[in-house]
Amino acid sequence: MRHKKDIKKLSRNKSHRKALIRNMAISFFQNQKIITTSAKAKQLTRFVEKLITLAKKGTLSDYRRINQFINHPETVKKIIDLSKRFTDKNGGYTQIIKVGFRRGDGAEKVILKLL
């Protein structure tokens, strides 16, 4: 039973899943939108919203926590700049738009977009 287990494994082990989310987050913050599958987008949304909320607080320890996971200096600066757009908003920084289905395996594709 999976009671109270809210992490989707995405058919990957822990290190691969962490690298996947990190790389997707870097691409997302660089381009402010990304096309991916529905399951990956939902997991990425949870992570991205936490990073933006940390950046909004603006303390040194928060910046270090962002850098601890992202570990990409240009992206960390970009997250801090983007967080200034959301000073009056308490969450809901991203939007998922359904696009269709992938041709090869029929997975649902979505666009994850920053508001």
PDB file of N, CA and C in Angstrom:
ATOM      1  N   MET A   1       0.833  -1.190   0.000  1.00  0.00           N
ATOM      2  CA  MET A   1       0.000   0.000   0.000  1.00  0.00           C
ATOM      3  C   MET A   1       0.876   1.251   0.000  1.00  0.00           C
ATOM      4  N   ARG A   2       0.429   2.281  -0.676  1.00  0.00           N
ATOM      5  CA  ARG A   2       1.210   3.504  -0.812  1.00  0.00           C
ATOM      6  C   ARG A   2       0.599   4.658  -0.036  1.00  0.00           C
ATOM      7  N   HIS A   3       0.074   4.389   1.133  1.00  0.00           N
ATOM      8  CA  HIS A   3      -0.520   5.468   1.910  1.00  0.00           C
ATOM      9  C   HIS A   3       0.533   6.496   2.298  1.00  0.00           C
ATOM     10  N   LYS A   4       0.205   7.755   2.082  1.00  0.00           N
ATOM     11  CA  LYS A   4       1.052   8.902   2.422  1.00  0.00           C
ATOM     12  C   LYS A   4       2.410   8.889   1.719  1.00  0.00           C
ATOM     13  N   LYS A   5       2.504   8.257   0.585  1.00  0.00           N
ATOM     14  CA  LYS A   5       3.714   8.283  -0.230  1.00  0.00           C
ATOM     15  C   LYS A   5       3.409   9.163  -1.438  1.00  0.00           C
ATOM     16  N   ASP A   6       3.885  10.400  -1.419  1.00  0.00           N
ATOM     17  CA  ASP A   6       3.473  11.344  -2.453  1.00  0.00           C
ATOM     18  C   ASP A   6       4.500  11.530  -3.563  1.00  0.00           C
ATOM     19  N   ILE A   7       5.638  10.860  -3.500  1.00  0.00           N
ATOM     20  CA  ILE A   7       6.652  10.977  -4.538  1.00  0.00           C
ATOM     21  C   ILE A   7       6.392   9.922  -5.611  1.00  0.00           C
ATOM     22  N   LYS A   8       6.303  10.357  -6.855  1.00  0.00           N
ATOM     23  CA  LYS A   8       6.208   9.425  -7.970  1.00  0.00           C
ATOM     24  C   LYS A   8       7.624   9.059  -8.388  1.00  0.00           C
ATOM     25  N   LYS A   9       7.880   7.772  -8.561  1.00  0.00           N
ATOM     26  CA  LYS A   9       9.240   7.325  -8.832  1.00  0.00           C
ATOM     27  C   LYS A   9       9.651   7.498 -10.284  1.00  0.00           C
ATOM     28  N   LEU A  10       8.705   7.653 -11.194  1.00  0.00           N
ATOM     29  CA  LEU A  10       8.979   7.888 -12.608  1.00  0.00           C
ATOM     30  C   LEU A  10       9.853   6.784 -13.218  1.00  0.00           C
ATOM     31  N   SER A  11       9.741   5.567 -12.705  1.00  0.00           N
ATOM     32  CA  SER A  11      10.488   4.396 -13.188  1.00  0.00           C
ATOM     33  C   SER A  11      12.001   4.619 -13.158  1.00  0.00           C
ATOM     34  N   ARG A  12      12.483   5.295 -12.117  1.00  0.00           N
ATOM     35  CA  ARG A  12      13.908   5.581 -11.976  1.00  0.00           C
ATOM     36  C   ARG A  12      14.328   5.391 -10.530  1.00  0.00           C
ATOM     37  N   ASN A  13      15.637   5.144 -10.326  1.00  0.00           N
ATOM     38  CA  ASN A  13      16.117   5.088  -8.955  1.00  0.00           C
ATOM     39  C   ASN A  13      16.333   6.511  -8.436  1.00  0.00           C
ATOM     40  N   LYS A  14      16.710   6.638  -7.176  1.00  0.00           N
ATOM     41  CA  LYS A  14      16.741   7.943  -6.538  1.00  0.00           C
ATOM     42  C   LYS A  14      17.722   8.911  -7.194  1.00  0.00           C
ATOM     43  N   SER A  15      18.926   8.461  -7.491  1.00  0.00           N
ATOM     44  CA  SER A  15      19.924   9.363  -8.067  1.00  0.00           C
ATOM     45  C   SER A  15      19.533   9.800  -9.480  1.00  0.00           C
ATOM     46  N   HIS A  16      18.987   8.878 -10.253  1.00  0.00           N
ATOM     47  CA  HIS A  16      18.561   9.217 -11.609  1.00  0.00           C
ATOM     48  C   HIS A  16      17.378  10.183 -11.578  1.00  0.00           C
ATOM     49  N   ARG A  17      16.456   9.962 -10.661  1.00  0.00           N
ATOM     50  CA  ARG A  17      15.283  10.833 -10.523  1.00  0.00           C
ATOM     51  C   ARG A  17      15.711  12.237 -10.104  1.00  0.00           C
ATOM     52  N   LYS A  18      16.666  12.317  -9.177  1.00  0.00           N
ATOM     53  CA  LYS A  18      17.151  13.616  -8.715  1.00  0.00           C
ATOM     54  C   LYS A  18      17.842  14.376  -9.843  1.00  0.00           C
ATOM     55  N   ALA A  19      18.653  13.665 -10.634  1.00  0.00           N
ATOM     56  CA  ALA A  19      19.333  14.293 -11.768  1.00  0.00           C
ATOM     57  C   ALA A  19      18.325  14.746 -12.819  1.00  0.00           C
ATOM     58  N   LEU A  20      17.300  13.940 -13.050  1.00  0.00           N
ATOM     59  CA  LEU A  20      16.263  14.290 -14.018  1.00  0.00           C
ATOM     60  C   LEU A  20      15.548  15.579 -13.611  1.00  0.00           C
ATOM     61  N   ILE A  21      15.120  15.647 -12.355  1.00  0.00           N
ATOM     62  CA  ILE A  21      14.414  16.833 -11.862  1.00  0.00           C
ATOM     63  C   ILE A  21      15.327  18.052 -11.893  1.00  0.00           C
ATOM     64  N   ARG A  22      16.599  17.879 -11.521  1.00  0.00           N
ATOM     65  CA  ARG A  22      17.553  18.992 -11.541  1.00  0.00           C
ATOM     66  C   ARG A  22      17.730  19.529 -12.955  1.00  0.00           C
ATOM     67  N   ASN A  23      17.943  18.643 -13.917  1.00  0.00           N
ATOM     68  CA  ASN A  23      18.151  19.085 -15.296  1.00  0.00           C
ATOM     69  C   ASN A  23      16.901  19.726 -15.876  1.00  0.00           C
ATOM     70  N   MET A  24      15.737  19.166 -15.560  1.00  0.00           N
ATOM     71  CA  MET A  24      14.494  19.760 -16.045  1.00  0.00           C
ATOM     72  C   MET A  24      14.263  21.130 -15.419  1.00  0.00           C
ATOM     73  N   ALA A  25      14.615  21.283 -14.144  1.00  0.00           N
ATOM     74  CA  ALA A  25      14.442  22.572 -13.465  1.00  0.00           C
ATOM     75  C   ALA A  25      15.359  23.629 -14.073  1.00  0.00           C
ATOM     76  N   ILE A  26      16.596  23.259 -14.376  1.00  0.00           N
ATOM     77  CA  ILE A  26      17.522  24.202 -14.995  1.00  0.00           C
ATOM     78  C   ILE A  26      16.986  24.646 -16.355  1.00  0.00           C
ATOM     79  N   SER A  27      16.520  23.693 -17.159  1.00  0.00           N
ATOM     80  CA  SER A  27      15.961  24.033 -18.470  1.00  0.00           C
ATOM     81  C   SER A  27      14.715  24.896 -18.325  1.00  0.00           C
ATOM     82  N   PHE A  28      13.899  24.561 -17.328  1.00  0.00           N
ATOM     83  CA  PHE A  28      12.660  25.312 -17.116  1.00  0.00           C
ATOM     84  C   PHE A  28      12.957  26.761 -16.759  1.00  0.00           C
ATOM     85  N   PHE A  29      13.885  26.994 -15.846  1.00  0.00           N
ATOM     86  CA  PHE A  29      14.181  28.364 -15.443  1.00  0.00           C
ATOM     87  C   PHE A  29      14.916  29.140 -16.534  1.00  0.00           C
ATOM     88  N   GLN A  30      15.697  28.482 -17.367  1.00  0.00           N
ATOM     89  CA  GLN A  30      16.381  29.168 -18.452  1.00  0.00           C
ATOM     90  C   GLN A  30      15.400  29.622 -19.532  1.00  0.00           C
ATOM     91  N   ASN A  31      14.418  28.762 -19.859  1.00  0.00           N
ATOM     92  CA  ASN A  31      13.490  29.057 -20.961  1.00  0.00           C
ATOM     93  C   ASN A  31      12.114  29.517 -20.499  1.00  0.00           C
ATOM     94  N   GLN A  32      11.820  29.376 -19.214  1.00  0.00           N
ATOM     95  CA  GLN A  32      10.539  29.715 -18.594  1.00  0.00           C
ATOM     96  C   GLN A  32       9.377  28.896 -19.118  1.00  0.00           C
ATOM     97  N   LYS A  33       9.649  27.848 -19.884  1.00  0.00           N
ATOM     98  CA  LYS A  33       8.636  26.865 -20.246  1.00  0.00           C
ATOM     99  C   LYS A  33       9.342  25.613 -20.727  1.00  0.00           C
ATOM    100  N   ILE A  34       8.648  24.484 -20.625  1.00  0.00           N
ATOM    101  CA  ILE A  34       9.236  23.214 -21.005  1.00  0.00           C
ATOM    102  C   ILE A  34       8.117  22.291 -21.461  1.00  0.00           C
ATOM    103  N   ILE A  35       8.395  21.463 -22.459  1.00  0.00           N
ATOM    104  CA  ILE A  35       7.427  20.469 -22.929  1.00  0.00           C
ATOM    105  C   ILE A  35       7.898  19.112 -22.424  1.00  0.00           C
ATOM    106  N   THR A  36       7.043  18.417 -21.699  1.00  0.00           N
ATOM    107  CA  THR A  36       7.387  17.135 -21.110  1.00  0.00           C
ATOM    108  C   THR A  36       6.125  16.310 -20.908  1.00  0.00           C
ATOM    109  N   THR A  37       6.258  15.160 -20.253  1.00  0.00           N
ATOM    110  CA  THR A  37       5.080  14.336 -19.990  1.00  0.00           C
ATOM    111  C   THR A  37       4.342  14.867 -18.763  1.00  0.00           C
ATOM    112  N   SER A  38       3.134  14.430 -18.608  1.00  0.00           N
ATOM    113  CA  SER A  38       2.283  14.906 -17.520  1.00  0.00           C
ATOM    114  C   SER A  38       2.865  14.552 -16.151  1.00  0.00           C
ATOM    115  N   ALA A  39       3.313  13.308 -15.973  1.00  0.00           N
ATOM    116  CA  ALA A  39       3.830  12.867 -14.680  1.00  0.00           C
ATOM    117  C   ALA A  39       5.081  13.638 -14.278  1.00  0.00           C
ATOM    118  N   LYS A  40       5.986  13.848 -15.244  1.00  0.00           N
ATOM    119  CA  LYS A  40       7.208  14.593 -14.955  1.00  0.00           C
ATOM    120  C   LYS A  40       6.891  16.046 -14.637  1.00  0.00           C
ATOM    121  N   ALA A  41       5.941  16.619 -15.342  1.00  0.00           N
ATOM    122  CA  ALA A  41       5.579  18.024 -15.116  1.00  0.00           C
ATOM    123  C   ALA A  41       4.992  18.224 -13.726  1.00  0.00           C
ATOM    124  N   LYS A  42       4.185  17.279 -13.263  1.00  0.00           N
ATOM    125  CA  LYS A  42       3.584  17.407 -11.937  1.00  0.00           C
ATOM    126  C   LYS A  42       4.642  17.338 -10.848  1.00  0.00           C
ATOM    127  N   GLN A  43       5.632  16.459 -11.003  1.00  0.00           N
ATOM    128  CA  GLN A  43       6.715  16.378 -10.024  1.00  0.00           C
ATOM    129  C   GLN A  43       7.602  17.614 -10.094  1.00  0.00           C
ATOM    130  N   LEU A  44       7.857  18.102 -11.297  1.00  0.00           N
ATOM    131  CA  LEU A  44       8.690  19.292 -11.454  1.00  0.00           C
ATOM    132  C   LEU A  44       8.005  20.525 -10.873  1.00  0.00           C
ATOM    133  N   THR A  45       6.702  20.608 -10.996  1.00  0.00           N
ATOM    134  CA  THR A  45       5.954  21.746 -10.456  1.00  0.00           C
ATOM    135  C   THR A  45       6.146  21.861  -8.955  1.00  0.00           C
ATOM    136  N   ARG A  46       6.064  20.730  -8.253  1.00  0.00           N
ATOM    137  CA  ARG A  46       6.238  20.746  -6.801  1.00  0.00           C
ATOM    138  C   ARG A  46       7.605  21.313  -6.439  1.00  0.00           C
ATOM    139  N   PHE A  47       8.616  20.877  -7.165  1.00  0.00           N
ATOM    140  CA  PHE A  47       9.971  21.287  -6.868  1.00  0.00           C
ATOM    141  C   PHE A  47      10.218  22.757  -7.211  1.00  0.00           C
ATOM    142  N   VAL A  48       9.741  23.179  -8.375  1.00  0.00           N
ATOM    143  CA  VAL A  48       9.946  24.559  -8.840  1.00  0.00           C
ATOM    144  C   VAL A  48       9.273  25.556  -7.901  1.00  0.00           C
ATOM    145  N   GLU A  49       8.077  25.233  -7.451  1.00  0.00           N
ATOM    146  CA  GLU A  49       7.364  26.154  -6.563  1.00  0.00           C
ATOM    147  C   GLU A  49       8.096  26.315  -5.240  1.00  0.00           C
ATOM    148  N   LYS A  50       8.704  25.249  -4.737  1.00  0.00           N
ATOM    149  CA  LYS A  50       9.479  25.352  -3.500  1.00  0.00           C
ATOM    150  C   LYS A  50      10.702  26.241  -3.697  1.00  0.00           C
ATOM    151  N   LEU A  51      11.363  26.120  -4.853  1.00  0.00           N
ATOM    152  CA  LEU A  51      12.548  26.945  -5.119  1.00  0.00           C
ATOM    153  C   LEU A  51      12.183  28.424  -5.215  1.00  0.00           C
ATOM    154  N   ILE A  52      11.082  28.727  -5.874  1.00  0.00           N
ATOM    155  CA  ILE A  52      10.669  30.134  -6.010  1.00  0.00           C
ATOM    156  C   ILE A  52      10.293  30.704  -4.646  1.00  0.00           C
ATOM    157  N   THR A  53       9.625  29.913  -3.828  1.00  0.00           N
ATOM    158  CA  THR A  53       9.258  30.378  -2.488  1.00  0.00           C
ATOM    159  C   THR A  53      10.504  30.643  -1.651  1.00  0.00           C
ATOM    160  N   LEU A  54      11.515  29.783  -1.752  1.00  0.00           N
ATOM    161  CA  LEU A  54      12.774  30.029  -1.046  1.00  0.00           C
ATOM    162  C   LEU A  54      13.432  31.315  -1.535  1.00  0.00           C
ATOM    163  N   ALA A  55      13.427  31.527  -2.841  1.00  0.00           N
ATOM    164  CA  ALA A  55      14.069  32.722  -3.402  1.00  0.00           C
ATOM    165  C   ALA A  55      13.332  33.990  -2.987  1.00  0.00           C
ATOM    166  N   LYS A  56      12.031  33.891  -2.781  1.00  0.00           N
ATOM    167  CA  LYS A  56      11.253  35.067  -2.372  1.00  0.00           C
ATOM    168  C   LYS A  56      11.653  35.540  -0.980  1.00  0.00           C
ATOM    169  N   LYS A  57      12.016  34.623  -0.093  1.00  0.00           N
ATOM    170  CA  LYS A  57      12.420  35.015   1.265  1.00  0.00           C
ATOM    171  C   LYS A  57      13.682  35.857   1.230  1.00  0.00           C
ATOM    172  N   GLY A  58      14.649  35.443   0.406  1.00  0.00           N
ATOM    173  CA  GLY A  58      15.804  36.293   0.134  1.00  0.00           C
ATOM    174  C   GLY A  58      16.923  36.263   1.143  1.00  0.00           C
ATOM    175  N   THR A  59      16.954  35.300   2.048  1.00  0.00           N
ATOM    176  CA  THR A  59      18.073  35.247   2.985  1.00  0.00           C
ATOM    177  C   THR A  59      19.232  34.471   2.368  1.00  0.00           C
ATOM    178  N   LEU A  60      20.400  34.623   2.953  1.00  0.00           N
ATOM    179  CA  LEU A  60      21.587  33.951   2.452  1.00  0.00           C
ATOM    180  C   LEU A  60      21.435  32.433   2.542  1.00  0.00           C
ATOM    181  N   SER A  61      20.857  31.955   3.621  1.00  0.00           N
ATOM    182  CA  SER A  61      20.694  30.506   3.767  1.00  0.00           C
ATOM    183  C   SER A  61      19.730  29.957   2.722  1.00  0.00           C
ATOM    184  N   ASP A  62      18.735  30.736   2.339  1.00  0.00           N
ATOM    185  CA  ASP A  62      17.819  30.298   1.290  1.00  0.00           C
ATOM    186  C   ASP A  62      18.535  30.206  -0.057  1.00  0.00           C
ATOM    187  N   TYR A  63      19.387  31.175  -0.354  1.00  0.00           N
ATOM    188  CA  TYR A  63      20.157  31.118  -1.598  1.00  0.00           C
ATOM    189  C   TYR A  63      21.072  29.898  -1.615  1.00  0.00           C
ATOM    190  N   ARG A  64      21.652  29.605  -0.469  1.00  0.00           N
ATOM    191  CA  ARG A  64      22.530  28.434  -0.384  1.00  0.00           C
ATOM    192  C   ARG A  64      21.745  27.142  -0.550  1.00  0.00           C
ATOM    193  N   ARG A  65      20.523  27.090  -0.020  1.00  0.00           N
ATOM    194  CA  ARG A  65      19.686  25.899  -0.195  1.00  0.00           C
ATOM    195  C   ARG A  65      19.293  25.711  -1.651  1.00  0.00           C
ATOM    196  N   ILE A  66      19.030  26.815  -2.349  1.00  0.00           N
ATOM    197  CA  ILE A  66      18.725  26.721  -3.785  1.00  0.00           C
ATOM    198  C   ILE A  66      19.948  26.206  -4.534  1.00  0.00           C
ATOM    199  N   ASN A  67      21.105  26.782  -4.230  1.00  0.00           N
ATOM    200  CA  ASN A  67      22.341  26.383  -4.899  1.00  0.00           C
ATOM    201  C   ASN A  67      22.728  24.947  -4.564  1.00  0.00           C
ATOM    202  N   GLN A  68      22.357  24.482  -3.390  1.00  0.00           N
ATOM    203  CA  GLN A  68      22.682  23.122  -2.977  1.00  0.00           C
ATOM    204  C   GLN A  68      22.035  22.102  -3.908  1.00  0.00           C
ATOM    205  N   PHE A  69      20.827  22.376  -4.342  1.00  0.00           N
ATOM    206  CA  PHE A  69      20.181  21.420  -5.221  1.00  0.00           C
ATOM    207  C   PHE A  69      20.430  21.718  -6.691  1.00  0.00           C
ATOM    208  N   ILE A  70      20.302  22.974  -7.106  1.00  0.00           N
ATOM    209  CA  ILE A  70      20.452  23.307  -8.526  1.00  0.00           C
ATOM    210  C   ILE A  70      21.910  23.212  -8.960  1.00  0.00           C
ATOM    211  N   ASN A  71      22.831  23.815  -8.183  1.00  0.00           N
ATOM    212  CA  ASN A  71      24.265  23.766  -8.456  1.00  0.00           C
ATOM    213  C   ASN A  71      24.591  24.270  -9.867  1.00  0.00           C
ATOM    214  N   HIS A  72      23.966  25.371 -10.239  1.00  0.00           N
ATOM    215  CA  HIS A  72      24.193  25.999 -11.547  1.00  0.00           C
ATOM    216  C   HIS A  72      24.079  27.506 -11.309  1.00  0.00           C
ATOM    217  N   PRO A  73      25.200  28.218 -11.160  1.00  0.00           N
ATOM    218  CA  PRO A  73      25.178  29.615 -10.718  1.00  0.00           C
ATOM    219  C   PRO A  73      24.301  30.548 -11.559  1.00  0.00           C
ATOM    220  N   GLU A  74      24.320  30.389 -12.881  1.00  0.00           N
ATOM    221  CA  GLU A  74      23.492  31.262 -13.722  1.00  0.00           C
ATOM    222  C   GLU A  74      22.008  31.065 -13.426  1.00  0.00           C
ATOM    223  N   THR A  75      21.623  29.815 -13.228  1.00  0.00           N
ATOM    224  CA  THR A  75      20.218  29.516 -12.967  1.00  0.00           C
ATOM    225  C   THR A  75      19.795  30.033 -11.600  1.00  0.00           C
ATOM    226  N   VAL A  76      20.676  29.956 -10.612  1.00  0.00           N
ATOM    227  CA  VAL A  76      20.346  30.458  -9.277  1.00  0.00           C
ATOM    228  C   VAL A  76      20.074  31.958  -9.343  1.00  0.00           C
ATOM    229  N   LYS A  77      20.900  32.690 -10.096  1.00  0.00           N
ATOM    230  CA  LYS A  77      20.673  34.128 -10.257  1.00  0.00           C
ATOM    231  C   LYS A  77      19.350  34.390 -10.959  1.00  0.00           C
ATOM    232  N   LYS A  78      19.050  33.567 -11.950  1.00  0.00           N
ATOM    233  CA  LYS A  78      17.796  33.730 -12.691  1.00  0.00           C
ATOM    234  C   LYS A  78      16.589  33.465 -11.800  1.00  0.00           C
ATOM    235  N   ILE A  79      16.671  32.455 -10.930  1.00  0.00           N
ATOM    236  CA  ILE A  79      15.579  32.143 -10.002  1.00  0.00           C
ATOM    237  C   ILE A  79      15.339  33.325  -9.072  1.00  0.00           C
ATOM    238  N   ILE A  80      16.405  33.918  -8.587  1.00  0.00           N
ATOM    239  CA  ILE A  80      16.284  35.059  -7.679  1.00  0.00           C
ATOM    240  C   ILE A  80      15.636  36.239  -8.395  1.00  0.00           C
ATOM    241  N   ASP A  81      16.017  36.483  -9.647  1.00  0.00           N
ATOM    242  CA  ASP A  81      15.404  37.565 -10.419  1.00  0.00           C
ATOM    243  C   ASP A  81      13.930  37.284 -10.703  1.00  0.00           C
ATOM    244  N   LEU A  82      13.616  36.033 -11.055  1.00  0.00           N
ATOM    245  CA  LEU A  82      12.226  35.681 -11.359  1.00  0.00           C
ATOM    246  C   LEU A  82      11.333  35.747 -10.128  1.00  0.00           C
ATOM    247  N   SER A  83      11.905  35.473  -8.962  1.00  0.00           N
ATOM    248  CA  SER A  83      11.084  35.458  -7.750  1.00  0.00           C
ATOM    249  C   SER A  83      10.553  36.844  -7.399  1.00  0.00           C
ATOM    250  N   LYS A  84      11.200  37.889  -7.900  1.00  0.00           N
ATOM    251  CA  LYS A  84      10.740  39.251  -7.626  1.00  0.00           C
ATOM    252  C   LYS A  84       9.391  39.538  -8.295  1.00  0.00           C
ATOM    253  N   ARG A  85       9.065  38.766  -9.357  1.00  0.00           N
ATOM    254  CA  ARG A  85       7.765  38.938 -10.017  1.00  0.00           C
ATOM    255  C   ARG A  85       6.617  38.439  -9.161  1.00  0.00           C
ATOM    256  N   PHE A  86       6.923  37.559  -8.200  1.00  0.00           N
ATOM    257  CA  PHE A  86       5.872  36.889  -7.446  1.00  0.00           C
ATOM    258  C   PHE A  86       5.819  37.318  -5.988  1.00  0.00           C
ATOM    259  N   THR A  87       6.220  38.547  -5.690  1.00  0.00           N
ATOM    260  CA  THR A  87       6.253  38.980  -4.291  1.00  0.00           C
ATOM    261  C   THR A  87       4.867  39.020  -3.662  1.00  0.00           C
ATOM    262  N   ASP A  88       3.844  39.320  -4.456  1.00  0.00           N
ATOM    263  CA  ASP A  88       2.494  39.427  -3.897  1.00  0.00           C
ATOM    264  C   ASP A  88       1.694  38.136  -4.033  1.00  0.00           C
ATOM    265  N   LYS A  89       2.291  37.090  -4.606  1.00  0.00           N
ATOM    266  CA  LYS A  89       1.581  35.838  -4.857  1.00  0.00           C
ATOM    267  C   LYS A  89       2.067  34.752  -3.901  1.00  0.00           C
ATOM    268  N   ASN A  90       1.146  33.954  -3.366  1.00  0.00           N
ATOM    269  CA  ASN A  90       1.501  32.928  -2.390  1.00  0.00           C
ATOM    270  C   ASN A  90       1.410  31.526  -2.973  1.00  0.00           C
ATOM    271  N   GLY A  91       2.035  31.291  -4.085  1.00  0.00           N
ATOM    272  CA  GLY A  91       2.008  29.967  -4.705  1.00  0.00           C
ATOM    273  C   GLY A  91       1.302  30.017  -6.035  1.00  0.00           C
ATOM    274  N   GLY A  92       1.318  28.891  -6.749  1.00  0.00           N
ATOM    275  CA  GLY A  92       0.686  28.841  -8.055  1.00  0.00           C
ATOM    276  C   GLY A  92       1.467  29.611  -9.095  1.00  0.00           C
ATOM    277  N   TYR A  93       2.780  29.397  -9.120  1.00  0.00           N
ATOM    278  CA  TYR A  93       3.636  30.143 -10.032  1.00  0.00           C
ATOM    279  C   TYR A  93       3.700  29.503 -11.418  1.00  0.00           C
ATOM    280  N   THR A  94       3.240  28.273 -11.530  1.00  0.00           N
ATOM    281  CA  THR A  94       3.343  27.554 -12.797  1.00  0.00           C
ATOM    282  C   THR A  94       1.964  27.178 -13.318  1.00  0.00           C
ATOM    283  N   GLN A  95       1.938  26.853 -14.598  1.00  0.00           N
ATOM    284  CA  GLN A  95       0.695  26.457 -15.254  1.00  0.00           C
ATOM    285  C   GLN A  95       0.989  25.262 -16.148  1.00  0.00           C
ATOM    286  N   ILE A  96       0.118  24.251 -16.096  1.00  0.00           N
ATOM    287  CA  ILE A  96       0.267  23.070 -16.936  1.00  0.00           C
ATOM    288  C   ILE A  96      -0.807  23.117 -18.019  1.00  0.00           C
ATOM    289  N   ILE A  97      -0.372  23.081 -19.276  1.00  0.00           N
ATOM    290  CA  ILE A  97      -1.281  23.117 -20.416  1.00  0.00           C
ATOM    291  C   ILE A  97      -1.132  21.809 -21.182  1.00  0.00           C
ATOM    292  N   LYS A  98      -2.231  21.080 -21.344  1.00  0.00           N
ATOM    293  CA  LYS A  98      -2.186  19.809 -22.061  1.00  0.00           C
ATOM    294  C   LYS A  98      -2.057  20.063 -23.558  1.00  0.00           C
ATOM    295  N   VAL A  99      -1.163  19.304 -24.197  1.00  0.00           N
ATOM    296  CA  VAL A  99      -0.878  19.503 -25.618  1.00  0.00           C
ATOM    297  C   VAL A  99      -1.454  18.373 -26.460  1.00  0.00           C
ATOM    298  N   GLY A 100      -1.294  17.158 -26.016  1.00  0.00           N
ATOM    299  CA  GLY A 100      -1.731  16.008 -26.794  1.00  0.00           C
ATOM    300  C   GLY A 100      -1.005  14.771 -26.328  1.00  0.00           C
ATOM    301  N   PHE A 101      -0.856  13.818 -27.232  1.00  0.00           N
ATOM    302  CA  PHE A 101      -0.206  12.568 -26.877  1.00  0.00           C
ATOM    303  C   PHE A 101       1.020  12.364 -27.748  1.00  0.00           C
ATOM    304  N   ARG A 102       2.055  11.782 -27.151  1.00  0.00           N
ATOM    305  CA  ARG A 102       3.295  11.518 -27.863  1.00  0.00           C
ATOM    306  C   ARG A 102       3.071  10.396 -28.859  1.00  0.00           C
ATOM    307  N   ARG A 103       3.678  10.517 -30.019  1.00  0.00           N
ATOM    308  CA  ARG A 103       3.419   9.583 -31.103  1.00  0.00           C
ATOM    309  C   ARG A 103       3.957   8.188 -30.820  1.00  0.00           C
ATOM    310  N   GLY A 104       5.134   8.087 -30.213  1.00  0.00           N
ATOM    311  CA  GLY A 104       5.774   6.795 -30.034  1.00  0.00           C
ATOM    312  C   GLY A 104       5.088   5.892 -29.035  1.00  0.00           C
ATOM    313  N   ASP A 105       4.824   6.397 -27.826  1.00  0.00           N
ATOM    314  CA  ASP A 105       4.269   5.550 -26.781  1.00  0.00           C
ATOM    315  C   ASP A 105       2.924   6.023 -26.260  1.00  0.00           C
ATOM    316  N   GLY A 106       2.413   7.113 -26.772  1.00  0.00           N
ATOM    317  CA  GLY A 106       1.090   7.577 -26.376  1.00  0.00           C
ATOM    318  C   GLY A 106       1.061   8.286 -25.033  1.00  0.00           C
ATOM    319  N   ALA A 107       2.220   8.697 -24.499  1.00  0.00           N
ATOM    320  CA  ALA A 107       2.256   9.431 -23.253  1.00  0.00           C
ATOM    321  C   ALA A 107       1.676  10.832 -23.451  1.00  0.00           C
ATOM    322  N   GLU A 108       0.996  11.310 -22.432  1.00  0.00           N
ATOM    323  CA  GLU A 108       0.386  12.633 -22.508  1.00  0.00           C
ATOM    324  C   GLU A 108       1.457  13.722 -22.382  1.00  0.00           C
ATOM    325  N   LYS A 109       1.531  14.611 -23.381  1.00  0.00           N
ATOM    326  CA  LYS A 109       2.480  15.715 -23.367  1.00  0.00           C
ATOM    327  C   LYS A 109       1.809  16.962 -22.819  1.00  0.00           C
ATOM    328  N   VAL A 110       2.568  17.749 -22.073  1.00  0.00           N
ATOM    329  CA  VAL A 110       2.070  19.005 -21.530  1.00  0.00           C
ATOM    330  C   VAL A 110       3.145  20.066 -21.673  1.00  0.00           C
ATOM    331  N   ILE A 111       2.719  21.313 -21.599  1.00  0.00           N
ATOM    332  CA  ILE A 111       3.645  22.444 -21.529  1.00  0.00           C
ATOM    333  C   ILE A 111       3.577  22.969 -20.104  1.00  0.00           C
ATOM    334  N   LEU A 112       4.715  22.999 -19.434  1.00  0.00           N
ATOM    335  CA  LEU A 112       4.810  23.584 -18.096  1.00  0.00           C
ATOM    336  C   LEU A 112       5.351  24.987 -18.287  1.00  0.00           C
ATOM    337  N   LYS A 113       4.595  25.981 -17.816  1.00  0.00           N
ATOM    338  CA  LYS A 113       4.890  27.361 -18.120  1.00  0.00           C
ATOM    339  C   LYS A 113       4.917  28.183 -16.842  1.00  0.00           C
ATOM    340  N   LEU A 114       5.812  29.153 -16.782  1.00  0.00           N
ATOM    341  CA  LEU A 114       5.886  30.068 -15.652  1.00  0.00           C
ATOM    342  C   LEU A 114       4.928  31.212 -15.902  1.00  0.00           C
ATOM    343  N   LEU A 115       4.117  31.552 -14.903  1.00  0.00           N
ATOM    344  CA  LEU A 115       3.133  32.623 -15.093  1.00  0.00           C
ATOM    345  C   LEU A 115       3.795  33.988 -15.051  1.00  0.00           C
TER     346      LEU A 115
END
